[in-house]
Amino acid sequence: MFEANILTILIATLIIIYLTAMLLTKMQKAKQLEQEAEELKKSLDNMDEQAKIIVRTDIELNRIQEELDKKISGLYALQKLSHSISMTLVEDQIFQRLSPEHIDELGFEKSLVFLWDKKRGAFFLKTALGYLEEEKELISSHLNGNKEKFLNIIEADKTLSSITMPDNFIDKNTLHSIFKTNYFIIAPILPKQSECGFIFIGTEKTDTLVTEGDEELIKILATQLGQALENARLFEKTWNSQRELEEKVGERTQELTAALEEVKKMNKRKTDFVSSVSHELRTPLTSIKGYAAILLTGKLGEIPAEAKQRLDKINRHSDELGHIVNELLDISRIESGKVTMSLEPWDLREVINKTEDLLSGQLKEKKINLEILLQPKDFRVLIDQTQIGRVFINLIGNAMKFTPADGKISISAKKNEGLIQVDVSDTGCGIPPEAKDSIFEEFFRVENSINQEVKGTGLGLALVKRIIEAHQGKIWVNSIMGKGTTFSFTLAQG
């Protein structure tokens, strides 16, 4: 019995020990499970926080993407609008290019453009989108009632928006009631050399926020409007100046044409008069010379020596006057086109040699050396040989008058742009600079001591000029006082 109790106690003890061990094991497992649950909760909390971060990041990325899409869309709209306004140089058409579609693509639905009229001291409306007529009048009235504040914005060249609007500007509720917008942007329009203004752009939508990107886009648009306005006004100014210039040129052309016609009439009258007078003079001159010649022969009886001297003077002066009349007639005929140049190829040296033979006696008498600096057959010219001979006679004769004894006259030639340029130079006293422009005028003579002693008509060089021009050539003179003169003229190659 005792042993049975001991056994029972032993079994109970073992059971208690087993149960205690099991309890301890379960407690340990429970604690482990509790730790694992705590770790799992932490992991879930971390996952929840990461999920929140991912969601926030996704929302921010979506917002950034929307903002980027908005900027890209705005830039695309701005590019189309800029291209449109740059395609015109008419001021009113610039603002007509601002269409509701363009404004909508920029994310707004209302727009106004005002320019400042300095003379009237007021803003005037250039264009309005999204407003009724009565609303435009109300806005214009309100704007000019607060024009100083808007002028300050323009002068400061500052872009404002409903977000960045300063407190001392205009009450937001007032702006909303006048401009009918919840959000807006105001950007100055500043042409360089013309009247300034601003563009107002806004929206009534409450879910639209104005960003810095929107302000930048509208500022760029305002700058481009200012540039387009400057170009249009510059073009208008240039166009008006051109029209005025064309009108003045037209008027002046008519005046010059009328004056030219009058000059032509006067020249014709002069030519006709000179020709008529010259013809009228030849008859009495011929009679005077004829009677003088008869008297000098003594056929009508012997004449005293004194009378004979006077008859010689009459005869000599008749010859001089006849020479003048002939030169006047030649000039008149050439001017009127009655003298036709018989153009033939000639060796220039041969023409000059003939002139040298005619003037050799005078050259020898005056002790002047004539130097011909061109060889035979080097230069062939297409000329009227008789008329060009008169040119050389006059030019060499003129040079002999003003070249002192032991002086030199030289003739040279050269090819110049398909023409032959002939130069007749002397070592005479020269021509004053102020006389060069008049040297080829009829009856003009240089005022100097030589001309006072040497007789002349002032027709020789005028005749030379007419002959050269009748050959489609040009003649000019270069001279240095005290060193000499060179007459140059051109002829066609033969």
Protein backbone atom coordinates (compact mmCIF):
# COMPACT_ATOMS: atom_id res chain seq x y z
CA MET A 1 0.00 0.00 0.00
CA PHE A 2 2.81 2.29 0.88
CA GLU A 3 4.61 1.39 -2.27
CA ALA A 4 1.51 2.07 -4.22
CA ASN A 5 1.28 5.56 -2.74
CA ILE A 6 4.89 6.22 -3.51
CA LEU A 7 4.34 5.13 -7.07
CA THR A 8 1.28 7.33 -7.31
CA ILE A 9 3.23 10.26 -5.92
CA LEU A 10 6.07 9.53 -8.28
CA ILE A 11 3.73 9.38 -11.28
CA ALA A 12 2.02 12.56 -10.18
CA THR A 13 5.37 14.19 -9.76
CA LEU A 14 6.42 13.10 -13.18
CA ILE A 15 3.15 14.32 -14.59
CA ILE A 16 3.64 17.67 -12.87
CA ILE A 17 7.19 17.85 -14.13
CA TYR A 18 6.00 16.96 -17.63
CA LEU A 19 3.19 19.46 -17.49
CA THR A 20 5.55 22.09 -16.13
CA ALA A 21 7.98 21.36 -18.92
CA MET A 22 5.15 21.48 -21.44
CA LEU A 23 3.96 24.77 -19.93
CA LEU A 24 7.42 26.24 -20.06
CA THR A 25 7.80 25.05 -23.64
CA LYS A 26 4.46 26.57 -24.63
CA MET A 27 5.30 29.79 -22.81
CA GLN A 28 8.60 29.93 -24.67
CA LYS A 29 6.83 29.29 -27.96
CA ALA A 30 4.21 31.89 -27.11
CA LYS A 31 6.91 34.39 -26.34
CA GLN A 32 8.65 33.50 -29.60
CA LEU A 33 5.37 33.83 -31.46
CA GLU A 34 4.79 37.14 -29.76
CA GLN A 35 8.24 38.33 -30.88
CA GLU A 36 7.55 37.07 -34.38
CA ALA A 37 4.18 38.85 -34.35
CA GLU A 38 5.88 42.03 -33.19
CA GLU A 39 8.43 41.75 -35.97
CA LEU A 40 5.68 40.98 -38.46
CA LYS A 41 3.78 44.04 -37.28
CA LYS A 42 6.89 46.16 -37.71
CA SER A 43 7.36 44.74 -41.19
CA LEU A 44 3.75 45.49 -42.00
CA ASP A 45 4.16 49.00 -40.63
CA ASN A 46 7.28 49.48 -42.76
CA MET A 47 5.48 48.12 -45.80
CA ASP A 48 2.57 50.44 -45.10
CA GLU A 49 4.93 53.43 -44.84
CA GLN A 50 6.70 52.43 -48.05
CA ALA A 51 3.35 52.02 -49.74
CA LYS A 52 2.38 55.49 -48.59
CA ILE A 53 5.70 56.87 -49.91
CA ILE A 54 5.12 55.08 -53.23
CA VAL A 55 1.61 56.48 -53.44
CA ARG A 56 2.83 60.00 -52.60
CA THR A 57 5.69 59.65 -55.09
CA ASP A 58 3.26 58.44 -57.73
CA ILE A 59 0.94 61.35 -57.04
CA GLU A 60 3.86 63.80 -57.21
CA LEU A 61 5.11 62.21 -60.44
CA ASN A 62 1.63 62.45 -61.90
CA ARG A 63 1.48 66.10 -60.86
CA ILE A 64 4.92 66.76 -62.36
CA GLN A 65 3.90 64.91 -65.51
CA GLU A 66 0.73 66.97 -65.75
CA GLU A 67 2.72 70.14 -65.21
CA LEU A 68 5.25 69.04 -67.84
CA ASP A 69 2.48 68.15 -70.28
CA LYS A 70 0.93 71.54 -69.60
CA LYS A 71 4.24 73.30 -70.27
CA ILE A 72 4.83 71.31 -73.46
CA SER A 73 1.29 72.06 -74.61
CA GLY A 74 1.76 75.72 -73.69
CA LEU A 75 5.10 75.90 -75.51
CA TYR A 76 3.57 74.28 -78.57
CA ALA A 77 0.66 76.73 -78.47
CA LEU A 78 3.09 79.62 -77.94
CA GLN A 79 5.18 78.47 -80.91
CA LYS A 80 2.11 78.42 -83.18
CA LEU A 81 0.96 81.79 -81.90
CA SER A 82 4.43 83.32 -82.29
CA HIS A 83 4.63 82.07 -85.86
CA SER A 84 1.20 83.49 -86.59
CA ILE A 85 1.91 87.00 -85.26
CA SER A 86 5.33 87.10 -86.94
CA MET A 87 3.73 86.58 -90.36
CA THR A 88 2.22 90.08 -90.48
CA LEU A 89 3.61 93.60 -90.43
CA VAL A 90 0.22 95.30 -89.95
CA GLU A 91 -0.34 96.41 -86.35
CA ASP A 92 -4.08 95.64 -86.14
CA GLN A 93 -3.58 92.19 -87.67
CA ILE A 94 -1.05 91.26 -84.98
CA PHE A 95 -3.70 91.27 -82.26
CA GLN A 96 -6.29 89.65 -84.52
CA ARG A 97 -3.97 86.62 -84.62
CA LEU A 98 -4.76 86.06 -80.90
CA SER A 99 -7.60 83.56 -81.25
CA PRO A 100 -9.70 81.77 -78.58
CA GLU A 101 -8.09 78.49 -79.69
CA HIS A 102 -4.60 79.82 -78.94
CA ILE A 103 -5.66 81.10 -75.53
CA ASP A 104 -7.41 77.81 -74.71
CA GLU A 105 -4.26 75.86 -75.64
CA LEU A 106 -2.38 78.02 -73.14
CA GLY A 107 -4.87 76.91 -70.45
CA PHE A 108 -7.00 80.08 -70.28
CA GLU A 109 -10.19 81.36 -71.86
CA LYS A 110 -10.08 85.14 -71.41
CA SER A 111 -7.58 87.64 -72.77
CA LEU A 112 -7.19 91.41 -73.12
CA VAL A 113 -4.53 93.60 -74.73
CA PHE A 114 -4.31 97.28 -73.81
CA LEU A 115 -1.88 99.84 -75.25
CA TRP A 116 -1.04 103.22 -73.74
CA ASP A 117 -1.90 106.33 -75.75
CA LYS A 118 0.55 108.98 -74.59
CA LYS A 119 -1.25 111.83 -76.36
CA ARG A 120 -4.64 111.02 -74.81
CA GLY A 121 -3.14 109.88 -71.52
CA ALA A 122 -5.24 106.71 -71.46
CA PHE A 123 -5.21 103.00 -72.21
CA PHE A 124 -7.13 101.83 -75.27
CA LEU A 125 -8.28 98.29 -75.95
CA LYS A 126 -6.67 96.50 -78.92
CA THR A 127 -8.30 93.08 -78.57
CA ALA A 128 -10.53 91.16 -76.14
CA LEU A 129 -11.38 87.45 -76.05
CA GLY A 130 -14.10 85.91 -73.89
CA TYR A 131 -15.85 89.20 -72.98
CA LEU A 132 -19.12 90.86 -73.92
CA GLU A 133 -19.25 94.44 -75.22
CA GLU A 134 -20.57 95.87 -71.96
CA GLU A 135 -17.87 93.99 -70.04
CA LYS A 136 -15.19 95.51 -72.30
CA GLU A 137 -16.49 99.02 -71.59
CA LEU A 138 -16.56 98.35 -67.85
CA ILE A 139 -13.00 96.98 -67.91
CA SER A 140 -11.69 99.95 -69.94
CA SER A 141 -13.35 102.40 -67.57
CA HIS A 142 -12.00 100.64 -64.48
CA LEU A 143 -8.52 100.30 -66.02
CA ASN A 144 -8.21 104.00 -66.84
CA GLY A 145 -9.51 104.82 -63.37
CA ASN A 146 -6.51 102.91 -61.97
CA LYS A 147 -4.09 103.62 -64.82
CA GLU A 148 -1.22 104.68 -62.53
CA LYS A 149 -1.06 101.21 -60.98
CA PHE A 150 -0.94 99.53 -64.37
CA LEU A 151 1.62 102.03 -65.63
CA ASN A 152 3.81 101.18 -62.63
CA ILE A 153 3.69 97.51 -63.64
CA ILE A 154 4.76 98.42 -67.19
CA GLU A 155 7.54 100.74 -66.05
CA ALA A 156 8.85 98.08 -63.65
CA ASP A 157 8.71 95.48 -66.47
CA LYS A 158 7.26 93.03 -63.99
CA THR A 159 4.94 90.11 -64.71
CA LEU A 160 2.18 89.70 -62.10
CA SER A 161 -0.35 86.95 -61.42
CA SER A 162 -3.22 86.35 -59.06
CA ILE A 163 -0.71 84.43 -56.90
CA THR A 164 2.12 87.01 -56.90
CA MET A 165 -0.07 90.14 -56.90
CA PRO A 166 1.17 92.66 -54.28
CA ASP A 167 -1.17 93.77 -51.49
CA ASN A 168 -1.13 97.40 -52.61
CA PHE A 169 -2.40 96.59 -56.11
CA ILE A 170 -6.16 96.11 -56.56
CA ASP A 171 -8.51 94.13 -54.34
CA LYS A 172 -8.94 90.53 -55.55
CA ASN A 173 -12.72 90.68 -55.26
CA THR A 174 -12.74 93.86 -57.35
CA LEU A 175 -10.53 92.26 -59.95
CA HIS A 176 -12.77 89.20 -60.03
CA SER A 177 -15.92 91.27 -60.44
CA ILE A 178 -14.37 93.48 -63.16
CA PHE A 179 -12.22 91.02 -65.13
CA LYS A 180 -14.43 87.96 -64.43
CA THR A 181 -11.50 85.69 -63.58
CA ASN A 182 -10.34 83.70 -60.57
CA TYR A 183 -6.78 83.35 -61.77
CA PHE A 184 -4.90 85.69 -64.11
CA ILE A 185 -1.51 86.89 -65.37
CA ILE A 186 -0.52 90.44 -66.41
CA ALA A 187 2.63 90.87 -68.55
CA PRO A 188 3.98 94.20 -69.94
CA ILE A 189 4.32 94.71 -73.71
CA LEU A 190 7.38 96.89 -74.28
CA PRO A 191 8.28 97.82 -77.88
CA LYS A 192 11.66 99.59 -78.06
CA GLN A 193 10.58 102.77 -79.82
CA SER A 194 6.79 102.94 -79.60
CA GLU A 195 3.94 103.09 -77.11
CA CYS A 196 3.82 100.30 -74.52
CA GLY A 197 0.98 98.28 -72.99
CA PHE A 198 0.19 94.93 -71.39
CA ILE A 199 -1.56 91.62 -71.99
CA PHE A 200 -4.07 90.27 -69.44
CA ILE A 201 -4.90 86.57 -69.59
CA GLY A 202 -7.10 84.69 -67.11
CA THR A 203 -9.58 81.92 -66.33
CA GLU A 204 -12.77 81.53 -64.32
CA LYS A 205 -11.96 77.90 -63.49
CA THR A 206 -11.41 77.32 -59.79
CA ASP A 207 -9.39 74.13 -60.31
CA THR A 208 -6.71 75.89 -62.37
CA LEU A 209 -3.64 77.16 -60.59
CA VAL A 210 -1.24 79.68 -62.08
CA THR A 211 2.36 78.46 -61.94
CA GLU A 212 5.73 80.08 -62.57
CA GLY A 213 5.76 78.22 -65.87
CA ASP A 214 2.52 79.92 -66.89
CA GLU A 215 4.01 83.32 -66.00
CA GLU A 216 7.12 82.57 -68.08
CA LEU A 217 5.02 81.57 -71.11
CA ILE A 218 2.88 84.71 -70.96
CA LYS A 219 5.97 86.86 -70.46
CA ILE A 220 7.50 85.33 -73.61
CA LEU A 221 4.24 85.97 -75.47
CA ALA A 222 4.23 89.61 -74.32
CA THR A 223 7.86 90.02 -75.47
CA GLN A 224 7.03 88.61 -78.89
CA LEU A 225 3.98 90.87 -79.17
CA GLY A 226 6.21 93.83 -78.35
CA GLN A 227 8.73 92.79 -81.01
CA ALA A 228 5.99 92.24 -83.60
CA LEU A 229 4.49 95.62 -82.73
CA GLU A 230 7.90 97.28 -83.08
CA ASN A 231 8.45 95.60 -86.47
CA ALA A 232 5.00 96.64 -87.70
CA ARG A 233 5.47 100.26 -86.67
CA LEU A 234 8.97 100.35 -88.13
CA PHE A 235 7.65 98.86 -91.38
CA GLU A 236 4.80 101.38 -91.47
CA LYS A 237 7.23 104.23 -90.86
CA THR A 238 9.56 102.94 -93.57
CA TRP A 239 6.65 102.39 -95.95
CA ASN A 240 5.31 105.91 -95.37
CA SER A 241 8.80 107.35 -95.82
CA GLN A 242 9.21 105.41 -99.04
CA ARG A 243 5.85 106.62 -100.34
CA GLU A 244 6.70 110.20 -99.45
CA LEU A 245 10.08 109.79 -101.12
CA GLU A 246 8.46 108.28 -104.22
CA GLU A 247 5.97 111.15 -104.36
CA LYS A 248 8.76 113.69 -103.98
CA VAL A 249 10.86 111.88 -106.58
CA GLY A 250 7.85 111.80 -108.90
CA GLU A 251 7.19 115.48 -108.40
CA ARG A 252 10.87 116.32 -108.81
CA THR A 253 11.07 114.12 -111.90
CA GLN A 254 8.13 115.97 -113.43
CA GLU A 255 9.75 119.28 -112.59
CA LEU A 256 13.09 118.15 -114.03
CA THR A 257 11.38 116.74 -117.12
CA ALA A 258 9.57 120.03 -117.64
CA ALA A 259 12.81 121.93 -117.04
CA LEU A 260 14.67 119.62 -119.45
CA GLU A 261 12.03 120.15 -122.10
CA GLU A 262 12.32 123.88 -121.57
CA VAL A 263 16.13 123.66 -121.82
CA LYS A 264 15.77 121.65 -125.04
CA LYS A 265 13.43 124.30 -126.45
CA MET A 266 15.81 127.06 -125.41
CA ASN A 267 18.77 125.20 -126.90
CA LYS A 268 16.87 124.71 -130.12
CA ARG A 269 15.92 128.38 -130.19
CA LYS A 270 19.55 129.30 -129.51
CA THR A 271 20.80 126.93 -132.20
CA ASP A 272 18.23 128.18 -134.68
CA PHE A 273 19.06 131.78 -133.76
CA VAL A 274 22.83 131.26 -134.06
CA SER A 275 22.36 129.41 -137.33
CA SER A 276 20.07 132.10 -138.70
CA VAL A 277 22.29 134.98 -137.57
CA SER A 278 25.41 133.22 -138.89
CA HIS A 279 23.78 132.73 -142.28
CA GLU A 280 22.65 136.34 -142.29
CA LEU A 281 26.18 137.50 -141.44
CA ARG A 282 27.87 135.53 -144.20
CA THR A 283 26.25 137.52 -147.01
CA PRO A 284 27.34 141.00 -145.87
CA LEU A 285 30.74 139.61 -144.83
CA THR A 286 31.24 138.19 -148.30
CA SER A 287 30.29 141.56 -149.80
CA ILE A 288 32.59 143.50 -147.45
CA LYS A 289 35.49 141.17 -148.10
CA GLY A 290 34.81 141.24 -151.84
CA TYR A 291 34.68 145.04 -152.07
CA ALA A 292 37.80 145.33 -149.89
CA ALA A 293 39.64 142.88 -152.14
CA ILE A 294 38.57 144.82 -155.30
CA LEU A 295 39.74 148.10 -153.81
CA LEU A 296 43.07 146.55 -152.77
CA THR A 297 43.73 145.37 -156.34
CA GLY A 298 43.55 148.99 -157.56
CA LYS A 299 41.07 148.17 -160.31
CA LEU A 300 38.94 151.10 -159.21
CA GLY A 301 41.90 153.42 -159.06
CA GLU A 302 44.90 154.07 -156.93
CA ILE A 303 44.23 154.36 -153.18
CA PRO A 304 46.29 156.18 -150.56
CA ALA A 305 48.60 154.20 -148.28
CA GLU A 306 46.51 154.99 -145.21
CA ALA A 307 43.35 153.77 -146.95
CA LYS A 308 45.17 150.63 -148.02
CA GLN A 309 46.17 149.91 -144.41
CA ARG A 310 42.57 150.25 -143.33
CA LEU A 311 41.39 148.02 -146.17
CA ASP A 312 43.93 145.39 -145.04
CA LYS A 313 42.44 145.55 -141.55
CA ILE A 314 38.93 145.24 -142.99
CA ASN A 315 40.03 142.23 -145.03
CA ARG A 316 41.80 140.60 -142.06
CA HIS A 317 38.94 141.22 -139.62
CA SER A 318 36.47 139.95 -142.20
CA ASP A 319 38.44 136.68 -142.31
CA GLU A 320 38.39 136.44 -138.50
CA LEU A 321 34.68 137.17 -138.37
CA GLY A 322 34.09 134.63 -141.13
CA HIS A 323 36.03 132.06 -139.11
CA ILE A 324 33.81 132.77 -136.08
CA VAL A 325 30.65 132.49 -138.18
CA ASN A 326 31.83 129.17 -139.64
CA GLU A 327 32.58 127.76 -136.19
CA LEU A 328 29.17 128.89 -134.91
CA LEU A 329 27.52 127.27 -137.89
CA ASP A 330 29.45 124.04 -137.33
CA ILE A 331 28.45 123.93 -133.63
CA SER A 332 24.81 124.61 -134.53
CA ARG A 333 24.79 121.94 -137.22
CA ILE A 334 26.32 119.32 -134.92
CA GLU A 335 23.90 120.15 -132.09
CA SER A 336 20.91 119.94 -134.42
CA GLY A 337 22.12 116.66 -135.92
CA LYS A 338 22.42 118.12 -139.39
CA VAL A 339 26.08 117.10 -139.63
CA THR A 340 26.50 113.36 -140.17
CA MET A 341 29.82 111.86 -139.19
CA SER A 342 31.26 109.70 -141.99
CA LEU A 343 32.91 107.06 -139.82
CA GLU A 344 35.73 105.03 -141.38
CA PRO A 345 38.72 103.13 -139.94
CA TRP A 346 41.83 105.34 -139.87
CA ASP A 347 45.37 105.01 -138.58
CA LEU A 348 45.52 107.55 -135.74
CA ARG A 349 49.19 108.36 -136.44
CA GLU A 350 48.33 109.23 -140.07
CA VAL A 351 45.63 111.70 -138.94
CA ILE A 352 48.04 113.36 -136.49
CA ASN A 353 50.77 113.57 -139.15
CA LYS A 354 48.43 115.55 -141.42
CA THR A 355 47.77 118.01 -138.60
CA GLU A 356 51.50 118.28 -137.92
CA ASP A 357 52.14 119.20 -141.55
CA LEU A 358 49.51 121.97 -141.38
CA LEU A 359 50.87 123.45 -138.16
CA SER A 360 54.61 122.84 -138.67
CA GLY A 361 55.26 126.45 -139.70
CA GLN A 362 53.56 127.89 -136.60
CA LEU A 363 55.30 125.36 -134.34
CA LYS A 364 58.70 126.29 -135.82
CA GLU A 365 57.97 130.00 -135.54
CA LYS A 366 57.02 129.67 -131.85
CA LYS A 367 59.96 127.26 -131.17
CA ILE A 368 57.66 124.61 -129.74
CA ASN A 369 58.50 120.92 -130.08
CA LEU A 370 55.59 118.62 -131.05
CA GLU A 371 56.28 115.08 -129.81
CA ILE A 372 54.09 112.25 -131.19
CA LEU A 373 54.40 109.26 -128.82
CA LEU A 374 52.70 106.56 -130.92
CA GLN A 375 53.78 104.46 -133.86
CA PRO A 376 51.99 103.98 -137.18
CA LYS A 377 49.38 101.20 -137.27
CA ASP A 378 49.41 100.85 -133.46
CA PHE A 379 46.01 102.47 -133.08
CA ARG A 380 43.17 102.29 -135.58
CA VAL A 381 40.09 104.40 -134.84
CA LEU A 382 36.61 104.65 -136.33
CA ILE A 383 36.28 108.36 -137.12
CA ASP A 384 35.31 111.10 -139.50
CA GLN A 385 38.86 111.98 -140.51
CA THR A 386 38.07 115.59 -141.41
CA GLN A 387 36.29 116.33 -138.14
CA ILE A 388 38.91 114.64 -135.94
CA GLY A 389 41.55 116.58 -137.88
CA ARG A 390 39.77 119.76 -136.75
CA VAL A 391 39.92 118.42 -133.16
CA PHE A 392 43.71 118.04 -133.31
CA ILE A 393 44.10 121.44 -135.02
CA ASN A 394 42.11 123.15 -132.28
CA LEU A 395 43.76 121.30 -129.37
CA ILE A 396 47.32 121.77 -130.69
CA GLY A 397 46.56 125.37 -131.67
CA ASN A 398 45.13 126.03 -128.20
CA ALA A 399 48.24 124.47 -126.60
CA MET A 400 50.55 126.66 -128.73
CA LYS A 401 48.83 129.82 -127.42
CA PHE A 402 49.66 129.02 -123.81
CA THR A 403 53.01 127.23 -124.18
CA PRO A 404 56.11 129.46 -124.05
CA ALA A 405 59.05 129.25 -126.47
CA ASP A 406 61.16 126.06 -126.16
CA GLY A 407 58.12 124.36 -124.65
CA LYS A 408 56.75 121.00 -125.65
CA ILE A 409 53.43 119.55 -126.82
CA SER A 410 53.09 115.76 -126.73
CA ILE A 411 50.42 113.43 -128.14
CA SER A 412 50.01 109.91 -126.80
CA ALA A 413 47.36 107.19 -126.92
CA LYS A 414 46.40 104.03 -125.08
CA LYS A 415 43.67 101.40 -125.11
CA ASN A 416 41.16 101.80 -122.32
CA GLU A 417 38.14 99.47 -121.87
CA GLY A 418 37.62 98.86 -125.58
CA LEU A 419 38.24 102.50 -126.52
CA ILE A 420 41.25 104.50 -127.61
CA GLN A 421 42.16 107.32 -125.19
CA VAL A 422 44.12 110.18 -126.76
CA ASP A 423 46.05 112.64 -124.57
CA VAL A 424 47.27 116.04 -125.84
CA SER A 425 49.61 117.55 -123.23
CA ASP A 426 51.55 120.80 -123.05
CA THR A 427 54.03 122.51 -120.75
CA GLY A 428 52.10 125.77 -120.67
CA CYS A 429 50.77 127.96 -117.90
CA GLY A 430 47.90 125.66 -116.92
CA ILE A 431 44.19 126.23 -116.26
CA PRO A 432 42.84 127.45 -112.89
CA PRO A 433 40.75 124.79 -111.07
CA GLU A 434 37.68 127.05 -111.02
CA ALA A 435 37.76 127.31 -114.84
CA LYS A 436 37.79 123.56 -115.61
CA ASP A 437 34.01 123.18 -115.50
CA SER A 438 33.52 126.04 -117.97
CA ILE A 439 36.40 125.45 -120.36
CA PHE A 440 34.19 123.74 -122.98
CA GLU A 441 31.44 126.37 -122.90
CA GLU A 442 30.91 128.61 -125.92
CA PHE A 443 32.67 132.00 -125.78
CA PHE A 444 34.37 131.12 -122.45
CA ARG A 445 37.94 132.34 -122.10
CA VAL A 446 40.20 131.95 -119.06
CA GLU A 447 41.07 135.24 -117.44
CA ASN A 448 44.88 135.49 -117.64
CA SER A 449 47.60 137.71 -119.12
CA ILE A 450 48.08 135.49 -122.17
CA ASN A 451 44.41 135.63 -123.18
CA GLN A 452 44.51 139.39 -122.91
CA GLU A 453 47.27 139.48 -125.53
CA VAL A 454 46.19 136.57 -127.75
CA LYS A 455 42.99 136.91 -129.74
CA GLY A 456 40.41 134.14 -129.58
CA THR A 457 36.69 133.49 -129.82
CA GLY A 458 36.22 130.89 -127.08
CA LEU A 459 34.55 128.59 -129.65
CA GLY A 460 37.38 126.18 -130.46
CA LEU A 461 37.06 123.91 -127.42
CA ALA A 462 33.26 124.05 -127.59
CA LEU A 463 33.46 122.79 -131.18
CA VAL A 464 35.97 120.07 -130.17
CA LYS A 465 33.57 118.84 -127.48
CA ARG A 466 30.64 118.67 -129.95
CA ILE A 467 32.73 116.71 -132.47
CA ILE A 468 33.97 114.19 -129.86
CA GLU A 469 30.45 113.70 -128.48
CA ALA A 470 29.14 113.22 -132.05
CA HIS A 471 31.67 110.32 -132.20
CA GLN A 472 30.07 108.89 -128.98
CA GLY A 473 33.22 109.78 -127.08
CA LYS A 474 34.07 111.86 -124.02
CA ILE A 475 36.53 114.68 -123.46
CA TRP A 476 37.98 116.06 -120.22
CA VAL A 477 40.88 118.15 -118.97
CA ASN A 478 43.52 117.86 -116.22
CA SER A 479 45.78 120.77 -115.42
CA ILE A 480 48.32 122.00 -112.87
CA MET A 481 48.94 125.72 -112.70
CA GLY A 482 52.45 126.58 -113.92
CA LYS A 483 53.19 123.02 -115.12
CA GLY A 484 50.85 122.34 -117.99
CA THR A 485 47.57 120.94 -119.23
CA THR A 486 46.36 117.62 -120.68
CA PHE A 487 43.24 117.30 -122.80
CA SER A 488 42.02 113.70 -123.01
CA PHE A 489 39.31 112.22 -125.23
CA THR A 490 38.09 108.79 -126.29
CA LEU A 491 37.37 107.28 -129.71
CA ALA A 492 36.01 103.94 -130.84
CA GLN A 493 38.49 101.36 -132.10
CA GLY A 494 38.45 100.86 -135.85
